[in-house]
C-alpha cells in the first residue's frame, strides 16, 4: 500500500468474502464475472467456489480504507444483489481492528438507509430533500444509492439531525464476539489475473474449502 498525504487518493488492499444465494450459485461463472466487471470491479482478483462463496481481492484507490471498502461492497452488491458480505480482511491489521472497521461500515450503511427512509416517508424528490438539507441533489442521490464519495459517520449524523431525526449509536473499540471475522476458508490457490477488460474470459480461479 502506498503512502500519501491525508485527504488524497491512495491504493488500499483488502479482501471481501461473500455468500451467494442458490440462484447465483447456479449461475454461469462467465456471467458473474461479466456482471462484476460492468459494476466496476476490474481492480479485483476474483475467486469463485467453495461452494456458494465468492472472494474478491481488491486493490482500490480512495481517500481512505473505509471509503475503499464501502464503495467496493456497493459495487459487488450492485452486480450480485443477493450477495451477503461475511468477512473483510485487511493486510497487516489485527482481527479486532478489522471487526471495528466492519462495524463502522455497517453503521454508515444504516445511516444512509435512514436518509432514504426519511425521503420516502416525506415523499421527497432528490431536489426537495436537497433543499431541506442544504445539499446538492446529486449528493442526496449518491447517499440513497449507498455509494457517496468522501462521506463520514459525522456528516451522515449531521444530515439526519438536519432532517430532525434522532440518532443513537456507539462503536465498541473492543468488539463483542459476534463481530469476530469468520475464518471459514483457506487462501485461494488460484485467482484470475487483473485485466483491463473482461472479453474472452472463460474460467475463474476456484477456491477450495
Foldseek 3Di string as FASTA:
>chain_A
DDDDPQPAKDKFKKKWKWFADPVVLPDAPLLLVQLLVVLPLLQWWWAQDLDRMIMTIGTDIANDPLLRVQQSVLSSCVSGVRIDTQAMGGPPDDQLVRLLSVVQSVLLLVLLCVLVVLCVVVVHQLVRLCVLQVHDSVQNVCSVSSRHGPDHPVVSCSSVVSSVHDDDDDGDSRDDPVSGGDPDFDDFPDTDDRDDDSPPDRDGGYGHD
